[in-house]
Amino acid sequence: MEVEAIPFWLVSTPIGSSNEAAEWNKLTKKVGEGDTAQVFRFQIPTKDLKVGTLDNLMSLSDDLVRMDTMAEATTFKIYKQLMELQKDAGQVEEPTIRMGDAGHAMKLDQYLCEFKWDEAKYPVKSPLRELSDLLTTSVSRMDDELKAKATEFQSAKGAKQALERKDQGN
């Protein structure tokens, strides 16, 4: 039995007025009508980001499509591998994932709802290009690590199956 994926929408909205709390309350009330959705803050420290020049932003926006595609593909691969491992282990509940360097165990939906920007890893005072490069490097490293671990797992799984066949033959 496969765990049903919970859809999440990350929506960015400008808070144009100085009364941020009133804007937030208005948004949550409007979106929450009819119990169709829950709204959580996804805190990204935008006020301190070093934007740079318009040319830098345009260049970065061109690269964001590539970065987004890579991050989405890696995330899907990790999810697919996790579901495969879960199926092999006979688990039917949503897996607990260890997030961050501290390795706090939490469910994926809990992580998304309680997201906090990691200032130590991704300093807000850095230029956007530098931050995007850090994020891209991090995702690339995860992809490489996933490939290595998946290969290692498949090798161990194959060796186990070979031993089982050998035992059955004797």
N, C-alpha and C. Protein backbone atom coordinates (compact mmCIF):
# COMPACT_ATOMS: atom_id res chain seq x y z
N MET A 1 0.85 -1.18 0.00
CA MET A 1 0.00 0.00 0.00
C MET A 1 0.89 1.24 0.00
N GLU A 2 0.62 2.15 -0.88
CA GLU A 2 1.46 3.35 -1.00
C GLU A 2 0.84 4.52 -0.25
N VAL A 3 1.69 5.32 0.36
CA VAL A 3 1.23 6.51 1.07
C VAL A 3 0.78 7.54 0.06
N GLU A 4 -0.38 8.12 0.30
CA GLU A 4 -0.90 9.14 -0.62
C GLU A 4 -0.16 10.45 -0.38
N ALA A 5 0.30 11.05 -1.45
CA ALA A 5 1.01 12.33 -1.36
C ALA A 5 0.03 13.44 -1.01
N ILE A 6 0.46 14.31 -0.13
CA ILE A 6 -0.35 15.46 0.26
C ILE A 6 0.09 16.63 -0.59
N PRO A 7 -0.84 17.25 -1.33
CA PRO A 7 -0.42 18.38 -2.17
C PRO A 7 -0.13 19.62 -1.33
N PHE A 8 0.97 20.26 -1.67
CA PHE A 8 1.33 21.52 -1.03
C PHE A 8 1.50 22.56 -2.12
N TRP A 9 1.01 23.72 -1.87
CA TRP A 9 1.22 24.85 -2.76
C TRP A 9 2.03 25.87 -2.00
N LEU A 10 3.15 26.27 -2.55
CA LEU A 10 3.93 27.36 -1.97
C LEU A 10 3.59 28.59 -2.77
N VAL A 11 2.95 29.53 -2.11
CA VAL A 11 2.48 30.73 -2.79
C VAL A 11 3.19 31.94 -2.20
N SER A 12 3.76 32.73 -3.06
CA SER A 12 4.44 33.94 -2.63
C SER A 12 3.50 35.13 -2.88
N THR A 13 3.26 35.88 -1.83
CA THR A 13 2.41 37.06 -1.98
C THR A 13 3.12 38.26 -1.39
N PRO A 14 3.04 39.38 -2.08
CA PRO A 14 3.67 40.58 -1.53
C PRO A 14 2.82 41.15 -0.40
N ILE A 15 3.48 41.53 0.64
CA ILE A 15 2.82 42.22 1.74
C ILE A 15 3.21 43.68 1.57
N GLY A 16 2.36 44.43 0.91
CA GLY A 16 2.69 45.80 0.52
C GLY A 16 2.52 46.84 1.61
N SER A 17 1.67 46.54 2.57
CA SER A 17 1.41 47.57 3.58
C SER A 17 2.32 47.39 4.78
N SER A 18 2.30 48.40 5.63
CA SER A 18 3.11 48.32 6.84
C SER A 18 2.43 47.45 7.89
N ASN A 19 1.16 47.14 7.67
CA ASN A 19 0.42 46.31 8.62
C ASN A 19 0.43 44.86 8.14
N GLU A 20 1.56 44.21 8.34
CA GLU A 20 1.75 42.85 7.85
C GLU A 20 0.78 41.87 8.51
N ALA A 21 0.51 42.04 9.79
CA ALA A 21 -0.38 41.14 10.51
C ALA A 21 -1.79 41.17 9.92
N ALA A 22 -2.28 42.37 9.60
CA ALA A 22 -3.62 42.50 9.02
C ALA A 22 -3.68 41.84 7.64
N GLU A 23 -2.62 42.01 6.84
CA GLU A 23 -2.56 41.38 5.52
C GLU A 23 -2.55 39.86 5.65
N TRP A 24 -1.78 39.36 6.60
CA TRP A 24 -1.69 37.92 6.82
C TRP A 24 -3.06 37.37 7.25
N ASN A 25 -3.73 38.06 8.18
CA ASN A 25 -5.05 37.62 8.64
C ASN A 25 -6.06 37.61 7.49
N LYS A 26 -6.00 38.63 6.64
CA LYS A 26 -6.90 38.70 5.49
C LYS A 26 -6.67 37.52 4.55
N LEU A 27 -5.40 37.21 4.29
CA LEU A 27 -5.04 36.11 3.41
C LEU A 27 -5.52 34.78 3.98
N THR A 28 -5.21 34.52 5.24
CA THR A 28 -5.59 33.24 5.84
C THR A 28 -7.11 33.08 5.91
N LYS A 29 -7.81 34.16 6.16
CA LYS A 29 -9.27 34.09 6.22
C LYS A 29 -9.84 33.76 4.83
N LYS A 30 -9.32 34.42 3.81
CA LYS A 30 -9.81 34.22 2.45
C LYS A 30 -9.50 32.80 1.95
N VAL A 31 -8.29 32.34 2.15
CA VAL A 31 -7.88 31.02 1.67
C VAL A 31 -8.54 29.91 2.49
N GLY A 32 -8.71 30.15 3.77
CA GLY A 32 -9.27 29.14 4.66
C GLY A 32 -10.77 28.99 4.61
N GLU A 33 -11.46 29.82 3.82
CA GLU A 33 -12.92 29.73 3.71
C GLU A 33 -13.32 28.36 3.17
N GLY A 34 -14.31 27.75 3.81
CA GLY A 34 -14.79 26.46 3.34
C GLY A 34 -13.89 25.30 3.69
N ASP A 35 -12.94 25.50 4.56
CA ASP A 35 -12.02 24.44 4.99
C ASP A 35 -11.34 23.73 3.82
N THR A 36 -10.99 24.49 2.80
CA THR A 36 -10.34 23.89 1.64
C THR A 36 -8.83 23.80 1.80
N ALA A 37 -8.27 24.62 2.69
CA ALA A 37 -6.82 24.62 2.83
C ALA A 37 -6.41 25.15 4.20
N GLN A 38 -5.20 24.80 4.58
CA GLN A 38 -4.58 25.38 5.75
C GLN A 38 -3.46 26.29 5.24
N VAL A 39 -3.23 27.36 5.98
CA VAL A 39 -2.21 28.32 5.56
C VAL A 39 -1.14 28.39 6.65
N PHE A 40 0.11 28.30 6.21
CA PHE A 40 1.25 28.41 7.12
C PHE A 40 2.22 29.42 6.54
N ARG A 41 2.93 30.11 7.40
CA ARG A 41 3.98 31.01 6.94
C ARG A 41 5.19 30.20 6.53
N PHE A 42 5.73 30.53 5.41
CA PHE A 42 6.96 29.92 4.91
C PHE A 42 7.98 31.04 4.94
N GLN A 43 8.63 31.18 6.08
CA GLN A 43 9.46 32.35 6.34
C GLN A 43 10.77 32.32 5.55
N ILE A 44 10.89 33.24 4.64
CA ILE A 44 12.15 33.46 3.93
C ILE A 44 12.51 34.92 4.17
N PRO A 45 13.67 35.17 4.73
CA PRO A 45 14.03 36.54 5.11
C PRO A 45 14.33 37.43 3.91
N THR A 46 13.31 37.97 3.30
CA THR A 46 13.49 38.75 2.07
C THR A 46 14.02 40.15 2.30
N LYS A 47 13.79 40.71 3.48
CA LYS A 47 14.18 42.11 3.71
C LYS A 47 15.70 42.31 3.69
N ASP A 48 16.44 41.28 4.10
CA ASP A 48 17.90 41.42 4.19
C ASP A 48 18.65 40.87 2.98
N LEU A 49 17.93 40.32 2.01
CA LEU A 49 18.60 39.75 0.84
C LEU A 49 19.29 40.85 0.02
N LYS A 50 20.50 40.53 -0.42
CA LYS A 50 21.25 41.46 -1.27
C LYS A 50 20.89 41.17 -2.72
N VAL A 51 20.05 42.02 -3.27
CA VAL A 51 19.51 41.80 -4.60
C VAL A 51 20.54 42.06 -5.68
N GLY A 52 21.27 43.11 -5.59
CA GLY A 52 22.24 43.44 -6.62
C GLY A 52 21.60 44.29 -7.71
N THR A 53 22.20 44.26 -8.89
CA THR A 53 21.71 45.08 -9.99
C THR A 53 20.62 44.36 -10.77
N LEU A 54 19.95 45.09 -11.62
CA LEU A 54 18.91 44.51 -12.47
C LEU A 54 19.51 43.46 -13.41
N ASP A 55 20.71 43.71 -13.91
CA ASP A 55 21.38 42.72 -14.77
C ASP A 55 21.62 41.41 -14.01
N ASN A 56 22.05 41.53 -12.75
CA ASN A 56 22.26 40.34 -11.93
C ASN A 56 20.95 39.57 -11.75
N LEU A 57 19.87 40.30 -11.49
CA LEU A 57 18.57 39.66 -11.31
C LEU A 57 18.10 38.98 -12.58
N MET A 58 18.29 39.62 -13.71
CA MET A 58 17.87 39.03 -14.99
C MET A 58 18.67 37.76 -15.28
N SER A 59 19.96 37.81 -15.04
CA SER A 59 20.81 36.65 -15.24
C SER A 59 20.38 35.51 -14.30
N LEU A 60 20.11 35.86 -13.08
CA LEU A 60 19.69 34.87 -12.09
C LEU A 60 18.34 34.27 -12.45
N SER A 61 17.42 35.10 -12.94
CA SER A 61 16.10 34.58 -13.31
C SER A 61 16.21 33.59 -14.46
N ASP A 62 17.14 33.81 -15.37
CA ASP A 62 17.37 32.86 -16.46
C ASP A 62 17.87 31.52 -15.92
N ASP A 63 18.73 31.57 -14.92
CA ASP A 63 19.31 30.36 -14.33
C ASP A 63 18.33 29.63 -13.42
N LEU A 64 17.33 30.34 -12.89
CA LEU A 64 16.39 29.73 -11.94
C LEU A 64 15.60 28.59 -12.57
N VAL A 65 15.30 28.68 -13.84
CA VAL A 65 14.56 27.60 -14.51
C VAL A 65 15.38 26.31 -14.44
N ARG A 66 16.65 26.40 -14.77
CA ARG A 66 17.54 25.24 -14.73
C ARG A 66 17.67 24.72 -13.30
N MET A 67 17.87 25.64 -12.35
CA MET A 67 18.01 25.25 -10.95
C MET A 67 16.74 24.58 -10.42
N ASP A 68 15.60 25.15 -10.79
CA ASP A 68 14.32 24.60 -10.34
C ASP A 68 14.11 23.20 -10.89
N THR A 69 14.42 23.00 -12.15
CA THR A 69 14.26 21.68 -12.78
C THR A 69 15.15 20.66 -12.09
N MET A 70 16.39 21.05 -11.82
CA MET A 70 17.33 20.15 -11.16
C MET A 70 16.85 19.81 -9.75
N ALA A 71 16.42 20.81 -8.99
CA ALA A 71 15.96 20.58 -7.62
C ALA A 71 14.71 19.71 -7.61
N GLU A 72 13.79 19.97 -8.53
CA GLU A 72 12.57 19.17 -8.59
C GLU A 72 12.89 17.71 -8.95
N ALA A 73 13.78 17.51 -9.91
CA ALA A 73 14.15 16.15 -10.30
C ALA A 73 14.82 15.40 -9.15
N THR A 74 15.71 16.07 -8.45
CA THR A 74 16.40 15.44 -7.32
C THR A 74 15.42 15.12 -6.20
N THR A 75 14.53 16.05 -5.92
CA THR A 75 13.52 15.83 -4.87
C THR A 75 12.66 14.63 -5.23
N PHE A 76 12.24 14.54 -6.49
CA PHE A 76 11.41 13.41 -6.93
C PHE A 76 12.18 12.10 -6.82
N LYS A 77 13.47 12.11 -7.18
CA LYS A 77 14.28 10.89 -7.08
C LYS A 77 14.38 10.43 -5.63
N ILE A 78 14.60 11.38 -4.72
CA ILE A 78 14.69 11.05 -3.30
C ILE A 78 13.36 10.47 -2.82
N TYR A 79 12.26 11.11 -3.20
CA TYR A 79 10.94 10.64 -2.81
C TYR A 79 10.68 9.23 -3.35
N LYS A 80 11.00 9.02 -4.63
CA LYS A 80 10.78 7.73 -5.26
C LYS A 80 11.60 6.64 -4.57
N GLN A 81 12.86 6.95 -4.26
CA GLN A 81 13.73 5.99 -3.58
C GLN A 81 13.20 5.68 -2.18
N LEU A 82 12.74 6.70 -1.49
CA LEU A 82 12.19 6.52 -0.15
C LEU A 82 10.95 5.63 -0.19
N MET A 83 10.08 5.86 -1.17
CA MET A 83 8.87 5.04 -1.30
C MET A 83 9.22 3.59 -1.65
N GLU A 84 10.25 3.40 -2.48
CA GLU A 84 10.69 2.05 -2.83
C GLU A 84 11.25 1.32 -1.62
N LEU A 85 12.06 2.02 -0.84
CA LEU A 85 12.62 1.42 0.38
C LEU A 85 11.51 1.11 1.38
N GLN A 86 10.56 2.00 1.46
CA GLN A 86 9.44 1.81 2.38
C GLN A 86 8.63 0.58 1.96
N LYS A 87 8.40 0.42 0.65
CA LYS A 87 7.65 -0.72 0.14
C LYS A 87 8.41 -2.02 0.42
N ASP A 88 9.75 -1.99 0.20
CA ASP A 88 10.58 -3.17 0.47
C ASP A 88 10.53 -3.57 1.94
N ALA A 89 10.42 -2.57 2.82
CA ALA A 89 10.40 -2.83 4.26
C ALA A 89 9.00 -3.17 4.75
N GLY A 90 7.98 -3.06 3.87
CA GLY A 90 6.61 -3.37 4.26
C GLY A 90 5.92 -2.29 5.07
N GLN A 91 6.46 -1.08 5.05
CA GLN A 91 5.84 0.03 5.78
C GLN A 91 4.68 0.61 4.98
N VAL A 92 3.65 1.05 5.69
CA VAL A 92 2.51 1.67 5.01
C VAL A 92 2.27 3.10 5.47
N GLU A 93 2.91 3.52 6.54
CA GLU A 93 2.71 4.88 7.01
C GLU A 93 3.72 5.82 6.38
N GLU A 94 3.43 7.11 6.50
CA GLU A 94 4.34 8.11 5.95
C GLU A 94 5.68 8.02 6.67
N PRO A 95 6.78 7.99 5.92
CA PRO A 95 8.09 7.86 6.55
C PRO A 95 8.50 9.11 7.31
N THR A 96 9.30 8.89 8.33
CA THR A 96 9.89 10.00 9.06
C THR A 96 11.24 10.28 8.43
N ILE A 97 11.53 11.55 8.22
CA ILE A 97 12.75 11.95 7.55
C ILE A 97 13.59 12.75 8.53
N ARG A 98 14.89 12.56 8.47
CA ARG A 98 15.80 13.36 9.31
C ARG A 98 16.19 14.58 8.51
N MET A 99 15.88 15.75 9.06
CA MET A 99 16.13 17.01 8.35
C MET A 99 17.25 17.79 9.02
N GLY A 100 18.10 18.39 8.21
CA GLY A 100 19.14 19.28 8.70
C GLY A 100 20.31 18.54 9.30
N ASP A 101 21.30 19.31 9.68
CA ASP A 101 22.53 18.74 10.26
C ASP A 101 22.28 18.07 11.59
N ALA A 102 21.34 18.61 12.37
CA ALA A 102 21.06 18.05 13.68
C ALA A 102 20.30 16.73 13.56
N GLY A 103 19.71 16.48 12.39
CA GLY A 103 19.03 15.22 12.16
C GLY A 103 17.75 15.07 12.93
N HIS A 104 16.99 16.15 13.06
CA HIS A 104 15.72 16.07 13.77
C HIS A 104 14.73 15.26 12.94
N ALA A 105 14.13 14.26 13.56
CA ALA A 105 13.17 13.42 12.86
C ALA A 105 11.82 14.11 12.81
N MET A 106 11.26 14.22 11.61
CA MET A 106 9.92 14.79 11.46
C MET A 106 9.33 14.33 10.14
N LYS A 107 8.04 14.40 10.05
CA LYS A 107 7.35 14.06 8.81
C LYS A 107 7.54 15.22 7.83
N LEU A 108 7.45 14.91 6.55
CA LEU A 108 7.69 15.91 5.51
C LEU A 108 6.72 17.08 5.62
N ASP A 109 5.44 16.79 5.83
CA ASP A 109 4.47 17.89 5.93
C ASP A 109 4.75 18.77 7.14
N GLN A 110 5.21 18.16 8.23
CA GLN A 110 5.57 18.94 9.41
C GLN A 110 6.76 19.85 9.11
N TYR A 111 7.75 19.33 8.37
CA TYR A 111 8.92 20.13 8.01
C TYR A 111 8.51 21.34 7.17
N LEU A 112 7.64 21.11 6.19
CA LEU A 112 7.19 22.22 5.34
C LEU A 112 6.41 23.26 6.12
N CYS A 113 5.59 22.81 7.05
CA CYS A 113 4.76 23.74 7.83
C CYS A 113 5.58 24.52 8.87
N GLU A 114 6.70 23.95 9.30
CA GLU A 114 7.52 24.58 10.33
C GLU A 114 8.87 25.06 9.78
N PHE A 115 8.97 25.25 8.48
CA PHE A 115 10.22 25.62 7.83
C PHE A 115 10.84 26.87 8.45
N LYS A 116 12.14 26.80 8.68
CA LYS A 116 12.91 27.95 9.16
C LYS A 116 14.15 28.06 8.27
N TRP A 117 14.46 29.28 7.86
CA TRP A 117 15.64 29.54 7.04
C TRP A 117 16.89 29.23 7.85
N ASP A 118 17.83 28.50 7.28
CA ASP A 118 19.07 28.16 7.97
C ASP A 118 20.12 29.23 7.66
N GLU A 119 20.19 30.21 8.53
CA GLU A 119 21.09 31.35 8.36
C GLU A 119 22.56 30.93 8.34
N ALA A 120 22.89 29.88 9.10
CA ALA A 120 24.28 29.43 9.16
C ALA A 120 24.74 28.85 7.81
N LYS A 121 23.86 28.09 7.16
CA LYS A 121 24.20 27.49 5.87
C LYS A 121 24.06 28.47 4.72
N TYR A 122 23.02 29.29 4.78
CA TYR A 122 22.69 30.20 3.69
C TYR A 122 22.54 31.62 4.23
N PRO A 123 23.67 32.30 4.45
CA PRO A 123 23.62 33.64 5.04
C PRO A 123 22.86 34.63 4.16
N VAL A 124 21.88 35.28 4.75
CA VAL A 124 21.03 36.22 4.02
C VAL A 124 21.82 37.42 3.52
N LYS A 125 22.88 37.75 4.19
CA LYS A 125 23.68 38.90 3.79
C LYS A 125 24.51 38.64 2.53
N SER A 126 24.54 37.38 2.07
CA SER A 126 25.28 37.05 0.85
C SER A 126 24.47 37.49 -0.37
N PRO A 127 25.15 37.79 -1.48
CA PRO A 127 24.43 38.14 -2.70
C PRO A 127 23.55 36.96 -3.18
N LEU A 128 22.48 37.27 -3.88
CA LEU A 128 21.56 36.24 -4.36
C LEU A 128 22.26 35.19 -5.22
N ARG A 129 23.18 35.62 -6.05
CA ARG A 129 23.91 34.67 -6.91
C ARG A 129 24.65 33.66 -6.05
N GLU A 130 25.28 34.14 -5.00
CA GLU A 130 26.03 33.25 -4.10
C GLU A 130 25.07 32.28 -3.40
N LEU A 131 23.93 32.78 -2.94
CA LEU A 131 22.94 31.91 -2.30
C LEU A 131 22.41 30.86 -3.26
N SER A 132 22.11 31.26 -4.48
CA SER A 132 21.59 30.30 -5.45
C SER A 132 22.65 29.25 -5.78
N ASP A 133 23.91 29.66 -5.85
CA ASP A 133 24.99 28.70 -6.09
C ASP A 133 25.14 27.73 -4.92
N LEU A 134 24.99 28.23 -3.70
CA LEU A 134 25.04 27.36 -2.51
C LEU A 134 23.91 26.34 -2.55
N LEU A 135 22.71 26.79 -2.88
CA LEU A 135 21.57 25.89 -2.95
C LEU A 135 21.75 24.85 -4.06
N THR A 136 22.22 25.29 -5.21
CA THR A 136 22.44 24.38 -6.33
C THR A 136 23.51 23.35 -5.99
N THR A 137 24.57 23.77 -5.35
CA THR A 137 25.64 22.85 -4.93
C THR A 137 25.10 21.84 -3.93
N SER A 138 24.28 22.32 -3.01
CA SER A 138 23.69 21.43 -2.00
C SER A 138 22.78 20.38 -2.65
N VAL A 139 21.95 20.79 -3.60
CA VAL A 139 21.06 19.86 -4.29
C VAL A 139 21.88 18.87 -5.11
N SER A 140 22.90 19.36 -5.78
CA SER A 140 23.77 18.50 -6.58
C SER A 140 24.46 17.46 -5.71
N ARG A 141 24.92 17.88 -4.55
CA ARG A 141 25.57 16.97 -3.61
C ARG A 141 24.58 15.89 -3.14
N MET A 142 23.33 16.31 -2.88
CA MET A 142 22.30 15.34 -2.48
C MET A 142 22.04 14.32 -3.59
N ASP A 143 22.00 14.80 -4.82
CA ASP A 143 21.77 13.92 -5.96
C ASP A 143 22.91 12.90 -6.09
N ASP A 144 24.14 13.37 -5.96
CA ASP A 144 25.30 12.47 -6.04
C ASP A 144 25.27 11.45 -4.90
N GLU A 145 24.94 11.91 -3.71
CA GLU A 145 24.88 11.02 -2.56
C GLU A 145 23.77 9.99 -2.74
N LEU A 146 22.63 10.42 -3.27
CA LEU A 146 21.53 9.49 -3.52
C LEU A 146 21.96 8.41 -4.51
N LYS A 147 22.62 8.82 -5.59
CA LYS A 147 23.07 7.84 -6.59
C LYS A 147 24.03 6.83 -5.96
N ALA A 148 24.96 7.30 -5.14
CA ALA A 148 25.93 6.41 -4.50
C ALA A 148 25.24 5.46 -3.53
N LYS A 149 24.34 5.98 -2.73
CA LYS A 149 23.63 5.14 -1.75
C LYS A 149 22.71 4.14 -2.45
N ALA A 150 22.05 4.57 -3.54
CA ALA A 150 21.16 3.67 -4.28
C ALA A 150 21.96 2.54 -4.91
N THR A 151 23.13 2.86 -5.46
CA THR A 151 23.99 1.83 -6.04
C THR A 151 24.46 0.86 -4.97
N GLU A 152 24.86 1.39 -3.82
CA GLU A 152 25.30 0.57 -2.70
C GLU A 152 24.16 -0.34 -2.22
N PHE A 153 22.96 0.22 -2.14
CA PHE A 153 21.80 -0.55 -1.70
C PHE A 153 21.47 -1.66 -2.68
N GLN A 154 21.46 -1.33 -3.98
CA GLN A 154 21.15 -2.34 -5.00
C GLN A 154 22.19 -3.46 -5.00
N SER A 155 23.45 -3.09 -4.77
CA SER A 155 24.51 -4.09 -4.70
C SER A 155 24.30 -5.02 -3.51
N ALA A 156 23.98 -4.46 -2.36
CA ALA A 156 23.73 -5.26 -1.16
C ALA A 156 22.49 -6.13 -1.34
N LYS A 157 21.46 -5.57 -1.96
CA LYS A 157 20.23 -6.31 -2.21
C LYS A 157 20.50 -7.48 -3.15
N GLY A 158 21.31 -7.24 -4.19
CA GLY A 158 21.69 -8.31 -5.12
C GLY A 158 22.50 -9.40 -4.44
N ALA A 159 23.43 -9.01 -3.58
CA ALA A 159 24.24 -9.98 -2.85
C ALA A 159 23.37 -10.82 -1.91
N LYS A 160 22.40 -10.19 -1.28
CA LYS A 160 21.47 -10.90 -0.38
C LYS A 160 20.66 -11.92 -1.18
N GLN A 161 20.15 -11.50 -2.34
CA GLN A 161 19.36 -12.40 -3.17
C GLN A 161 20.22 -13.57 -3.67
N ALA A 162 21.48 -13.29 -4.01
CA ALA A 162 22.38 -14.35 -4.46
C ALA A 162 22.62 -15.37 -3.34
N LEU A 163 22.80 -14.88 -2.11
CA LEU A 163 22.99 -15.78 -0.97
C LEU A 163 21.74 -16.61 -0.71
N GLU A 164 20.57 -15.99 -0.85
CA GLU A 164 19.32 -16.72 -0.63
C GLU A 164 19.16 -17.81 -1.68
N ARG A 165 19.49 -17.50 -2.94
CA ARG A 165 19.41 -18.51 -4.00
C ARG A 165 20.40 -19.65 -3.74
N LYS A 166 21.58 -19.28 -3.27
CA LYS A 166 22.61 -20.29 -2.99
C LYS A 166 22.14 -21.21 -1.85
N ASP A 167 21.55 -20.62 -0.80
CA ASP A 167 21.05 -21.41 0.32
C ASP A 167 19.92 -22.34 -0.10
N GLN A 168 19.07 -21.86 -1.01
CA GLN A 168 17.95 -22.66 -1.47
C GLN A 168 18.44 -23.80 -2.36
N GLY A 169 19.56 -23.59 -3.01
CA GLY A 169 20.13 -24.62 -3.89
C GLY A 169 20.77 -25.75 -3.12
N ASN A 170 21.22 -25.51 -1.92
CA ASN A 170 21.91 -26.54 -1.12
C ASN A 170 20.93 -27.41 -0.38
